[in-house]
Each structure stands twice: as C-alpha cells, then as structure tokens.
C-alpha cells in the first residue's frame, strides 16, 4: 500500500522545471521583451516581488530571471528579459504559444507588505527596473482605495532614452500618485528630461530620508553609489534594501556558484539590507 501511494503521488525534484506557455510577448526595447506565462501542468508556488525564477530555454540552458509583476494581484506570471547571452536570447525569441521551463520561486523579496505606512523611494537603473516593477504596483495598490497614504517616489535611470523600460506604465504610476523622476546618461534628439546619473536626482525626492525606506536595483556600481548617497542624505543603512545578482545556477543553495562573501545570493538574497557588512563587500575589489 505504501509503495502504491508513493508511486501514485507526484514528487517533483526542486531542479526539475515546470512547463509554462508564453501567452503574451511585449517588446520593451530593442533587446528586451516581457514574457507573460501561464502553467501548462500546474503552477509554481505563489511568488513575491523581488524574488526570482530559474527559466529554461529547452535545449539551450537555464538562467535566473527576476519576476517583473506581482502575481499575488494579477495573472499571468511575467518576466522581463534582456537578450545578452545564448539562454536569454533563446527565451526572448520564444514565440507566443511556445513553452519554456520555470523553477521557483527563489530568494528573498522586497517586503512590500511592511511598507504601507512608510515613505518608500524606489531607485532603478536600466534593467533593474524590472525586479522593482511588481513592488511599485503592489505599493500603489495599497494606497489606491483612498488615494491617500505615504509617498512613493520612483527614480529611474537609463543609458539613453531608447533603453528606458515601461515608459507608458511609468506615466500610469505617476497618475496613480507616485512621484516620478527619470534621467538618462546621454540625451538624444527629442529628450527634454534630466541628463545625469540617478544619484543626482535623489536630493529632489520629497521624503523624510531618516524615516523612509529605499528599494534599489541596477548595475552594482549604481547600487553602491546610490546607497552611499542615501546614507549621506540621512537614511539609516538598515532602511536601504538592495538586490544583487550573481551566477545563480541551482537556486537552492547547493552549487555555491553565487557565493558573495558569507552569503549565497540565491538563498540569502537577492534582496539584502545595506548594512555595514554589505557596504564592505560591495566596496571590496576582491569578493
């Protein structure tokens, strides 16, 4: 009887992906697309903004990609992917109705449930806006019934205007009550907004930095300088949450490829608090 029950139950190894079908595909920039996914068989566990999944391009490979929406409030599952290598390019080329593999969710999240009574400053650089998109949506949803609540500020930077993600959606966030600031490193014809790095925009954020919380994601050098700038503006280090990316291959803390100082990024991150230990690791050239 025990053997029959065991044989009839579905026991799935954590390294085995579940099949998901591409039910929507939206081009964000020249090299970046958002895939909308629904399960073919059964879904993965409920995800939280800031976590990541391991996505499989069957016959090509598997990579870690952050979740770019808030599946707790909306379907389907969405991932925004930039084509920079063989696997990410294969995923971006998956046609509508195509099938990819999904494992997860893995890692820590932004903790948006804790932030409904706190001014929140979201700072994103480039593709780093994708892991923050679900958090922004969730935070706006929490203030929507009354139209009141603590301020949400969104500061976005990109190399140039053509690399900006979710442009129409950013305007919708602004209409919903977010304070929005967008800057680019290099302007192009038709651009009338600020030119410069995101740290130049932080002093313009209408928030009490000593009591606010920041969510930061982007290139590591941008994270480092943004965190330092926030501390200089009076924000406590433990109010700064950063998302770090390493070579995550298993997602479950077994392979060790994503080690960052004392941490395994897939297990202990990707979202970390910017405490003195994190500051030291990010500042070190040897890690």
C-alpha atoms as a PDB file:
ATOM      1  CA  UNK A   1       0.000   0.000   0.000  1.00  0.00           C
ATOM      2  CA  UNK A   2       2.788   2.398   0.876  1.00  0.00           C
ATOM      3  CA  UNK A   3       4.530   1.679  -2.393  1.00  0.00           C
ATOM      4  CA  UNK A   4       1.327   2.220  -4.364  1.00  0.00           C
ATOM      5  CA  UNK A   5       0.667   5.534  -2.644  1.00  0.00           C
ATOM      6  CA  UNK A   6       4.214   6.663  -3.293  1.00  0.00           C
ATOM      7  CA  UNK A   7       4.044   5.646  -6.925  1.00  0.00           C
ATOM      8  CA  UNK A   8       0.791   7.497  -7.432  1.00  0.00           C
ATOM      9  CA  UNK A   9       1.909  10.764  -5.865  1.00  0.00           C
ATOM     10  CA  UNK A  10       3.719  13.456  -7.780  1.00  0.00           C
ATOM     11  CA  UNK A  11       7.114  14.115  -6.229  1.00  0.00           C
ATOM     12  CA  UNK A  12       8.995  16.713  -8.222  1.00  0.00           C
ATOM     13  CA  UNK A  13      12.707  17.346  -7.711  1.00  0.00           C
ATOM     14  CA  UNK A  14      13.499  21.013  -6.996  1.00  0.00           C
ATOM     15  CA  UNK A  15      15.810  21.091 -10.020  1.00  0.00           C
ATOM     16  CA  UNK A  16      13.052  19.933 -12.396  1.00  0.00           C
ATOM     17  CA  UNK A  17      11.319  22.808 -14.217  1.00  0.00           C
ATOM     18  CA  UNK A  18       7.586  23.064 -14.728  1.00  0.00           C
ATOM     19  CA  UNK A  19       6.280  23.848 -18.191  1.00  0.00           C
ATOM     20  CA  UNK A  20       4.861  27.319 -18.830  1.00  0.00           C
ATOM     21  CA  UNK A  21       3.310  28.601 -22.042  1.00  0.00           C
ATOM     22  CA  UNK A  22       4.016  32.063 -23.437  1.00  0.00           C
ATOM     23  CA  UNK A  23       0.591  33.726 -23.603  1.00  0.00           C
ATOM     24  CA  UNK A  24       1.884  37.241 -24.228  1.00  0.00           C
ATOM     25  CA  UNK A  25       5.043  38.826 -25.533  1.00  0.00           C
ATOM     26  CA  UNK A  26       5.713  42.564 -25.411  1.00  0.00           C
ATOM     27  CA  UNK A  27       8.842  44.254 -26.731  1.00  0.00           C
ATOM     28  CA  UNK A  28      10.139  46.834 -24.252  1.00  0.00           C
ATOM     29  CA  UNK A  29      13.327  47.948 -26.033  1.00  0.00           C
ATOM     30  CA  UNK A  30      15.365  46.770 -28.989  1.00  0.00           C
ATOM     31  CA  UNK A  31      16.864  43.903 -26.957  1.00  0.00           C
ATOM     32  CA  UNK A  32      14.365  43.422 -24.121  1.00  0.00           C
ATOM     33  CA  UNK A  33      10.992  41.682 -24.013  1.00  0.00           C
ATOM     34  CA  UNK A  34       8.423  40.854 -21.347  1.00  0.00           C
ATOM     35  CA  UNK A  35       7.042  37.317 -21.462  1.00  0.00           C
ATOM     36  CA  UNK A  36       3.641  36.571 -19.913  1.00  0.00           C
ATOM     37  CA  UNK A  37       3.404  32.956 -18.782  1.00  0.00           C
ATOM     38  CA  UNK A  38       0.678  30.548 -17.691  1.00  0.00           C
ATOM     39  CA  UNK A  39       1.260  26.990 -16.435  1.00  0.00           C
ATOM     40  CA  UNK A  40       0.828  24.059 -18.778  1.00  0.00           C
ATOM     41  CA  UNK A  41       0.574  21.488 -15.986  1.00  0.00           C
ATOM     42  CA  UNK A  42       0.488  23.015 -12.513  1.00  0.00           C
ATOM     43  CA  UNK A  43       1.810  26.372 -11.302  1.00  0.00           C
ATOM     44  CA  UNK A  44       4.835  27.076  -9.174  1.00  0.00           C
ATOM     45  CA  UNK A  45       4.226  28.402  -5.651  1.00  0.00           C
ATOM     46  CA  UNK A  46       2.980  31.967  -5.251  1.00  0.00           C
ATOM     47  CA  UNK A  47       5.761  34.478  -5.838  1.00  0.00           C
ATOM     48  CA  UNK A  48       6.529  37.814  -4.171  1.00  0.00           C
ATOM     49  CA  UNK A  49       8.013  40.942  -5.793  1.00  0.00           C
ATOM     50  CA  UNK A  50      11.794  40.780  -5.637  1.00  0.00           C
ATOM     51  CA  UNK A  51      12.091  37.007  -5.904  1.00  0.00           C
ATOM     52  CA  UNK A  52      13.427  35.241  -8.993  1.00  0.00           C
ATOM     53  CA  UNK A  53      12.745  32.110 -11.013  1.00  0.00           C
ATOM     54  CA  UNK A  54      15.066  29.871 -12.968  1.00  0.00           C
ATOM     55  CA  UNK A  55      13.867  29.960 -16.594  1.00  0.00           C
ATOM     56  CA  UNK A  56      14.744  27.202 -19.049  1.00  0.00           C
ATOM     57  CA  UNK A  57      15.066  27.536 -22.782  1.00  0.00           C
ATOM     58  CA  UNK A  58      14.677  23.853 -23.578  1.00  0.00           C
ATOM     59  CA  UNK A  59      17.718  22.541 -25.427  1.00  0.00           C
ATOM     60  CA  UNK A  60      19.708  25.707 -24.636  1.00  0.00           C
ATOM     61  CA  UNK A  61      20.046  26.199 -20.886  1.00  0.00           C
ATOM     62  CA  UNK A  62      18.719  27.850 -17.757  1.00  0.00           C
ATOM     63  CA  UNK A  63      19.215  31.282 -16.159  1.00  0.00           C
ATOM     64  CA  UNK A  64      17.920  33.234 -13.170  1.00  0.00           C
ATOM     65  CA  UNK A  65      15.416  35.972 -14.054  1.00  0.00           C
ATOM     66  CA  UNK A  66      13.601  38.215 -11.581  1.00  0.00           C
ATOM     67  CA  UNK A  67       9.812  38.292 -11.527  1.00  0.00           C
ATOM     68  CA  UNK A  68       8.598  41.579 -13.017  1.00  0.00           C
ATOM     69  CA  UNK A  69       4.992  41.704 -11.823  1.00  0.00           C
ATOM     70  CA  UNK A  70       3.006  40.989  -8.663  1.00  0.00           C
ATOM     71  CA  UNK A  71       1.365  37.597  -9.270  1.00  0.00           C
ATOM     72  CA  UNK A  72      -0.473  37.882  -5.949  1.00  0.00           C
ATOM     73  CA  UNK A  73      -2.701  40.516  -7.570  1.00  0.00           C
ATOM     74  CA  UNK A  74      -2.534  39.648 -11.243  1.00  0.00           C
ATOM     75  CA  UNK A  75      -2.044  36.897 -13.757  1.00  0.00           C
ATOM     76  CA  UNK A  76      -0.135  35.701 -15.670  1.00  0.00           C
ATOM     77  CA  UNK A  77       3.429  35.444 -14.359  1.00  0.00           C
ATOM     78  CA  UNK A  78       5.718  37.957 -16.080  1.00  0.00           C
ATOM     79  CA  UNK A  79       9.467  38.122 -16.637  1.00  0.00           C
ATOM     80  CA  UNK A  80      11.285  40.941 -18.410  1.00  0.00           C
ATOM     81  CA  UNK A  81      14.392  39.593 -20.160  1.00  0.00           C
ATOM     82  CA  UNK A  82      17.277  41.325 -21.933  1.00  0.00           C
ATOM     83  CA  UNK A  83      18.989  39.292 -24.647  1.00  0.00           C
ATOM     84  CA  UNK A  84      22.645  39.272 -23.608  1.00  0.00           C
ATOM     85  CA  UNK A  85      23.610  35.604 -23.993  1.00  0.00           C
ATOM     86  CA  UNK A  86      22.559  32.293 -25.504  1.00  0.00           C
ATOM     87  CA  UNK A  87      19.845  31.421 -22.968  1.00  0.00           C
ATOM     88  CA  UNK A  88      18.389  34.919 -22.575  1.00  0.00           C
ATOM     89  CA  UNK A  89      18.354  35.311 -26.376  1.00  0.00           C
ATOM     90  CA  UNK A  90      16.550  31.966 -26.762  1.00  0.00           C
ATOM     91  CA  UNK A  91      13.965  32.996 -24.171  1.00  0.00           C
ATOM     92  CA  UNK A  92      13.435  36.344 -25.888  1.00  0.00           C
ATOM     93  CA  UNK A  93      12.925  34.548 -29.185  1.00  0.00           C
ATOM     94  CA  UNK A  94      10.297  32.167 -27.792  1.00  0.00           C
ATOM     95  CA  UNK A  95       7.135  32.791 -29.843  1.00  0.00           C
ATOM     96  CA  UNK A  96       3.624  33.173 -28.449  1.00  0.00           C
ATOM     97  CA  UNK A  97       2.280  29.720 -27.505  1.00  0.00           C
ATOM     98  CA  UNK A  98       5.850  28.488 -27.125  1.00  0.00           C
ATOM     99  CA  UNK A  99       6.819  26.606 -23.951  1.00  0.00           C
ATOM    100  CA  UNK A 100       9.635  27.334 -21.523  1.00  0.00           C
ATOM    101  CA  UNK A 101      10.578  25.832 -18.155  1.00  0.00           C
ATOM    102  CA  UNK A 102      10.125  27.577 -14.801  1.00  0.00           C
ATOM    103  CA  UNK A 103      11.583  26.660 -11.394  1.00  0.00           C
ATOM    104  CA  UNK A 104      10.978  28.688  -8.283  1.00  0.00           C
ATOM    105  CA  UNK A 105      10.254  30.989  -6.715  1.00  0.00           C
ATOM    106  CA  UNK A 106      13.600  31.513  -5.021  1.00  0.00           C
ATOM    107  CA  UNK A 107      15.190  34.014  -2.704  1.00  0.00           C
ATOM    108  CA  UNK A 108      14.169  36.941  -0.567  1.00  0.00           C
ATOM    109  CA  UNK A 109      11.709  39.649  -1.592  1.00  0.00           C
ATOM    110  CA  UNK A 110      11.279  43.427  -1.215  1.00  0.00           C
ATOM    111  CA  UNK A 111       8.949  43.048   1.768  1.00  0.00           C
ATOM    112  CA  UNK A 112       6.321  45.423   0.357  1.00  0.00           C
ATOM    113  CA  UNK A 113       3.735  44.248   2.913  1.00  0.00           C
ATOM    114  CA  UNK A 114       5.762  46.080   5.567  1.00  0.00           C
ATOM    115  CA  UNK A 115       5.894  49.382   3.675  1.00  0.00           C
ATOM    116  CA  UNK A 116       2.272  50.564   3.550  1.00  0.00           C
ATOM    117  CA  UNK A 117       2.911  53.023   6.398  1.00  0.00           C
ATOM    118  CA  UNK A 118       6.314  54.237   5.224  1.00  0.00           C
ATOM    119  CA  UNK A 119       7.562  56.674   2.590  1.00  0.00           C
ATOM    120  CA  UNK A 120       9.254  54.462   0.002  1.00  0.00           C
ATOM    121  CA  UNK A 121      11.895  55.507  -2.519  1.00  0.00           C
ATOM    122  CA  UNK A 122      12.411  53.131  -5.446  1.00  0.00           C
ATOM    123  CA  UNK A 123      15.672  53.657  -7.342  1.00  0.00           C
ATOM    124  CA  UNK A 124      16.246  51.691 -10.545  1.00  0.00           C
ATOM    125  CA  UNK A 125      18.976  51.635 -13.169  1.00  0.00           C
ATOM    126  CA  UNK A 126      18.398  50.081 -16.585  1.00  0.00           C
ATOM    127  CA  UNK A 127      17.004  46.546 -16.483  1.00  0.00           C
ATOM    128  CA  UNK A 128      16.966  46.920 -12.685  1.00  0.00           C
ATOM    129  CA  UNK A 129      13.507  48.452 -13.025  1.00  0.00           C
ATOM    130  CA  UNK A 130      12.095  45.004 -13.922  1.00  0.00           C
ATOM    131  CA  UNK A 131      12.572  43.406 -10.450  1.00  0.00           C
ATOM    132  CA  UNK A 132      11.075  46.571  -8.908  1.00  0.00           C
ATOM    133  CA  UNK A 133       8.011  46.793 -11.159  1.00  0.00           C
ATOM    134  CA  UNK A 134       5.926  44.365  -9.103  1.00  0.00           C
ATOM    135  CA  UNK A 135       6.840  46.177  -5.886  1.00  0.00           C
ATOM    136  CA  UNK A 136       5.782  49.530  -7.369  1.00  0.00           C
ATOM    137  CA  UNK A 137       2.457  48.080  -8.479  1.00  0.00           C
ATOM    138  CA  UNK A 138       1.847  46.487  -5.084  1.00  0.00           C
ATOM    139  CA  UNK A 139       2.676  49.709  -3.228  1.00  0.00           C
ATOM    140  CA  UNK A 140       0.363  51.743  -5.460  1.00  0.00           C
ATOM    141  CA  UNK A 141      -2.409  49.187  -4.972  1.00  0.00           C
ATOM    142  CA  UNK A 142      -2.166  49.587  -1.213  1.00  0.00           C
ATOM    143  CA  UNK A 143      -2.833  53.322  -1.439  1.00  0.00           C
ATOM    144  CA  UNK A 144      -5.453  53.161  -4.173  1.00  0.00           C
ATOM    145  CA  UNK A 145      -8.723  52.797  -2.176  1.00  0.00           C
ATOM    146  CA  UNK A 146      -8.474  56.235  -0.539  1.00  0.00           C
ATOM    147  CA  UNK A 147      -5.943  57.876  -2.810  1.00  0.00           C
ATOM    148  CA  UNK A 148      -4.012  58.740   0.331  1.00  0.00           C
ATOM    149  CA  UNK A 149      -1.103  57.251   2.130  1.00  0.00           C
ATOM    150  CA  UNK A 150       2.631  57.519   2.444  1.00  0.00           C
ATOM    151  CA  UNK A 151       4.562  58.815  -0.534  1.00  0.00           C
ATOM    152  CA  UNK A 152       6.006  56.513  -3.162  1.00  0.00           C
ATOM    153  CA  UNK A 153       8.874  58.043  -5.153  1.00  0.00           C
ATOM    154  CA  UNK A 154      10.281  56.308  -8.243  1.00  0.00           C
ATOM    155  CA  UNK A 155      13.676  57.392  -9.583  1.00  0.00           C
ATOM    156  CA  UNK A 156      14.676  55.718 -12.854  1.00  0.00           C
ATOM    157  CA  UNK A 157      17.887  55.970 -14.863  1.00  0.00           C
ATOM    158  CA  UNK A 158      18.999  54.519 -18.190  1.00  0.00           C
ATOM    159  CA  UNK A 159      21.953  54.872 -20.546  1.00  0.00           C
ATOM    160  CA  UNK A 160      19.812  56.705 -23.101  1.00  0.00           C
ATOM    161  CA  UNK A 161      16.084  57.225 -23.791  1.00  0.00           C
ATOM    162  CA  UNK A 162      15.857  54.143 -26.033  1.00  0.00           C
ATOM    163  CA  UNK A 163      16.833  51.943 -23.064  1.00  0.00           C
ATOM    164  CA  UNK A 164      14.002  53.087 -20.786  1.00  0.00           C
ATOM    165  CA  UNK A 165      11.616  50.299 -19.779  1.00  0.00           C
ATOM    166  CA  UNK A 166       7.866  50.553 -19.193  1.00  0.00           C
ATOM    167  CA  UNK A 167       7.591  54.188 -20.361  1.00  0.00           C
ATOM    168  CA  UNK A 168       3.797  54.252 -20.643  1.00  0.00           C
ATOM    169  CA  UNK A 169       3.477  52.349 -17.388  1.00  0.00           C
ATOM    170  CA  UNK A 170       5.716  54.849 -15.597  1.00  0.00           C
ATOM    171  CA  UNK A 171       3.290  57.609 -16.574  1.00  0.00           C
ATOM    172  CA  UNK A 172       0.454  55.481 -15.195  1.00  0.00           C
ATOM    173  CA  UNK A 173       2.349  55.164 -11.903  1.00  0.00           C
ATOM    174  CA  UNK A 174       2.645  58.943 -11.828  1.00  0.00           C
ATOM    175  CA  UNK A 175      -1.086  59.358 -12.452  1.00  0.00           C
ATOM    176  CA  UNK A 176      -1.760  56.891  -9.634  1.00  0.00           C
ATOM    177  CA  UNK A 177       0.146  59.089  -7.179  1.00  0.00           C
ATOM    178  CA  UNK A 178       3.819  58.165  -7.446  1.00  0.00           C
ATOM    179  CA  UNK A 179       6.426  60.927  -7.562  1.00  0.00           C
ATOM    180  CA  UNK A 180       8.379  60.070 -10.749  1.00  0.00           C
ATOM    181  CA  UNK A 181      11.855  61.222 -11.784  1.00  0.00           C
ATOM    182  CA  UNK A 182      13.520  59.861 -14.928  1.00  0.00           C
ATOM    183  CA  UNK A 183      17.062  60.602 -16.061  1.00  0.00           C
ATOM    184  CA  UNK A 184      19.416  59.335 -18.774  1.00  0.00           C
ATOM    185  CA  UNK A 185      23.200  59.256 -19.033  1.00  0.00           C
ATOM    186  CA  UNK A 186      23.175  60.508 -22.623  1.00  0.00           C
ATOM    187  CA  UNK A 187      20.382  62.517 -24.253  1.00  0.00           C
ATOM    188  CA  UNK A 188      19.133  62.027 -27.803  1.00  0.00           C
ATOM    189  CA  UNK A 189      17.100  64.305 -30.075  1.00  0.00           C
ATOM    190  CA  UNK A 190      13.646  64.825 -28.583  1.00  0.00           C
ATOM    191  CA  UNK A 191      14.699  64.158 -24.987  1.00  0.00           C
ATOM    192  CA  UNK A 192      13.753  67.045 -22.679  1.00  0.00           C
ATOM    193  CA  UNK A 193      14.232  65.385 -19.299  1.00  0.00           C
ATOM    194  CA  UNK A 194      17.202  65.404 -16.929  1.00  0.00           C
ATOM    195  CA  UNK A 195      20.611  64.143 -18.040  1.00  0.00           C
ATOM    196  CA  UNK A 196      22.853  62.536 -15.445  1.00  0.00           C
ATOM    197  CA  UNK A 197      23.016  59.659 -13.001  1.00  0.00           C
ATOM    198  CA  UNK A 198      20.233  58.694 -10.603  1.00  0.00           C
ATOM    199  CA  UNK A 199      22.171  59.892  -7.564  1.00  0.00           C
ATOM    200  CA  UNK A 200      21.878  63.456  -8.905  1.00  0.00           C
ATOM    201  CA  UNK A 201      18.086  63.159  -8.583  1.00  0.00           C
ATOM    202  CA  UNK A 202      17.852  61.870  -5.014  1.00  0.00           C
ATOM    203  CA  UNK A 203      18.021  65.250  -3.283  1.00  0.00           C
ATOM    204  CA  UNK A 204      14.866  66.243  -5.185  1.00  0.00           C
ATOM    205  CA  UNK A 205      12.824  63.387  -3.722  1.00  0.00           C
ATOM    206  CA  UNK A 206      10.147  64.801  -1.367  1.00  0.00           C
ATOM    207  CA  UNK A 207      10.692  62.402   1.527  1.00  0.00           C
ATOM    208  CA  UNK A 208      11.988  62.353   5.068  1.00  0.00           C
ATOM    209  CA  UNK A 209      15.077  60.249   4.418  1.00  0.00           C
ATOM    210  CA  UNK A 210      15.557  59.487   8.102  1.00  0.00           C
ATOM    211  CA  UNK A 211      12.244  57.592   8.175  1.00  0.00           C
ATOM    212  CA  UNK A 212      11.869  56.419   4.551  1.00  0.00           C
ATOM    213  CA  UNK A 213      12.816  53.027   3.085  1.00  0.00           C
ATOM    214  CA  UNK A 214      14.650  52.629  -0.231  1.00  0.00           C
ATOM    215  CA  UNK A 215      14.470  49.742  -2.720  1.00  0.00           C
ATOM    216  CA  UNK A 216      17.459  49.801  -5.087  1.00  0.00           C
ATOM    217  CA  UNK A 217      18.274  47.652  -8.118  1.00  0.00           C
ATOM    218  CA  UNK A 218      20.545  48.133 -11.119  1.00  0.00           C
ATOM    219  CA  UNK A 219      24.207  47.751 -12.086  1.00  0.00           C
ATOM    220  CA  UNK A 220      26.313  47.113  -9.000  1.00  0.00           C
ATOM    221  CA  UNK A 221      28.282  50.344  -9.305  1.00  0.00           C
ATOM    222  CA  UNK A 222      24.981  52.246  -9.393  1.00  0.00           C
ATOM    223  CA  UNK A 223      23.756  50.382  -6.301  1.00  0.00           C
ATOM    224  CA  UNK A 224      26.951  51.236  -4.446  1.00  0.00           C
ATOM    225  CA  UNK A 225      26.839  54.962  -5.186  1.00  0.00           C
ATOM    226  CA  UNK A 226      23.073  55.166  -4.642  1.00  0.00           C
ATOM    227  CA  UNK A 227      23.316  53.522  -1.225  1.00  0.00           C
ATOM    228  CA  UNK A 228      26.120  55.869  -0.205  1.00  0.00           C
ATOM    229  CA  UNK A 229      24.135  58.885  -1.417  1.00  0.00           C
ATOM    230  CA  UNK A 230      21.075  57.767   0.555  1.00  0.00           C
ATOM    231  CA  UNK A 231      23.173  57.387   3.710  1.00  0.00           C
ATOM    232  CA  UNK A 232      24.604  60.889   3.132  1.00  0.00           C
ATOM    233  CA  UNK A 233      21.014  62.207   2.891  1.00  0.00           C
ATOM    234  CA  UNK A 234      20.253  60.761   6.311  1.00  0.00           C
ATOM    235  CA  UNK A 235      18.785  57.346   5.562  1.00  0.00           C
ATOM    236  CA  UNK A 236      19.785  54.589   8.018  1.00  0.00           C
ATOM    237  CA  UNK A 237      21.679  51.742   6.356  1.00  0.00           C
ATOM    238  CA  UNK A 238      19.144  49.175   7.502  1.00  0.00           C
ATOM    239  CA  UNK A 239      16.399  51.121   5.687  1.00  0.00           C
ATOM    240  CA  UNK A 240      18.118  50.502   2.333  1.00  0.00           C
ATOM    241  CA  UNK A 241      17.237  47.268   0.528  1.00  0.00           C
ATOM    242  CA  UNK A 242      19.368  46.279  -2.453  1.00  0.00           C
ATOM    243  CA  UNK A 243      19.035  43.465  -4.987  1.00  0.00           C
ATOM    244  CA  UNK A 244      22.286  41.770  -6.027  1.00  0.00           C
ATOM    245  CA  UNK A 245      22.869  39.373  -8.883  1.00  0.00           C
ATOM    246  CA  UNK A 246      25.467  36.647  -9.061  1.00  0.00           C
ATOM    247  CA  UNK A 247      25.941  33.490 -11.111  1.00  0.00           C
ATOM    248  CA  UNK A 248      22.902  31.662  -9.740  1.00  0.00           C
ATOM    249  CA  UNK A 249      22.779  28.173 -11.229  1.00  0.00           C
ATOM    250  CA  UNK A 250      20.821  25.927  -8.869  1.00  0.00           C
ATOM    251  CA  UNK A 251      18.593  28.391  -6.980  1.00  0.00           C
ATOM    252  CA  UNK A 252      18.582  26.267  -3.836  1.00  0.00           C
ATOM    253  CA  UNK A 253      21.969  26.977  -2.248  1.00  0.00           C
ATOM    254  CA  UNK A 254      23.701  23.758  -3.314  1.00  0.00           C
ATOM    255  CA  UNK A 255      26.177  24.583  -6.064  1.00  0.00           C
ATOM    256  CA  UNK A 256      27.919  27.584  -4.478  1.00  0.00           C
ATOM    257  CA  UNK A 257      28.378  29.495  -7.725  1.00  0.00           C
ATOM    258  CA  UNK A 258      26.579  32.569  -6.384  1.00  0.00           C
ATOM    259  CA  UNK A 259      28.666  32.999  -3.230  1.00  0.00           C
ATOM    260  CA  UNK A 260      29.076  36.629  -2.169  1.00  0.00           C
ATOM    261  CA  UNK A 261      31.252  36.924   0.935  1.00  0.00           C
ATOM    262  CA  UNK A 262      29.400  34.972   3.659  1.00  0.00           C
ATOM    263  CA  UNK A 263      26.208  34.692   1.607  1.00  0.00           C
ATOM    264  CA  UNK A 264      24.766  32.555  -1.150  1.00  0.00           C
ATOM    265  CA  UNK A 265      22.820  35.037  -3.247  1.00  0.00           C
ATOM    266  CA  UNK A 266      20.150  32.557  -4.349  1.00  0.00           C
ATOM    267  CA  UNK A 267      19.362  31.567  -0.761  1.00  0.00           C
ATOM    268  CA  UNK A 268      20.194  34.641   1.350  1.00  0.00           C
ATOM    269  CA  UNK A 269      19.292  37.189  -1.362  1.00  0.00           C
ATOM    270  CA  UNK A 270      18.848  38.541  -3.920  1.00  0.00           C
ATOM    271  CA  UNK A 271      17.399  41.284  -1.669  1.00  0.00           C
ATOM    272  CA  UNK A 272      19.765  42.314   1.128  1.00  0.00           C
ATOM    273  CA  UNK A 273      19.788  45.105   3.668  1.00  0.00           C
ATOM    274  CA  UNK A 274      22.626  47.559   3.081  1.00  0.00           C
ATOM    275  CA  UNK A 275      24.290  47.153   6.462  1.00  0.00           C
ATOM    276  CA  UNK A 276      27.979  47.708   7.210  1.00  0.00           C
ATOM    277  CA  UNK A 277      28.854  44.176   6.101  1.00  0.00           C
ATOM    278  CA  UNK A 278      27.136  44.632   2.724  1.00  0.00           C
ATOM    279  CA  UNK A 279      28.783  48.026   2.315  1.00  0.00           C
ATOM    280  CA  UNK A 280      32.194  46.492   2.904  1.00  0.00           C
ATOM    281  CA  UNK A 281      31.632  43.631   0.480  1.00  0.00           C
ATOM    282  CA  UNK A 282      30.378  45.916  -2.286  1.00  0.00           C
ATOM    283  CA  UNK A 283      33.338  48.261  -1.819  1.00  0.00           C
ATOM    284  CA  UNK A 284      35.889  45.435  -1.952  1.00  0.00           C
ATOM    285  CA  UNK A 285      37.557  44.627  -5.318  1.00  0.00           C
ATOM    286  CA  UNK A 286      38.147  41.034  -4.094  1.00  0.00           C
ATOM    287  CA  UNK A 287      34.957  39.106  -3.488  1.00  0.00           C
END
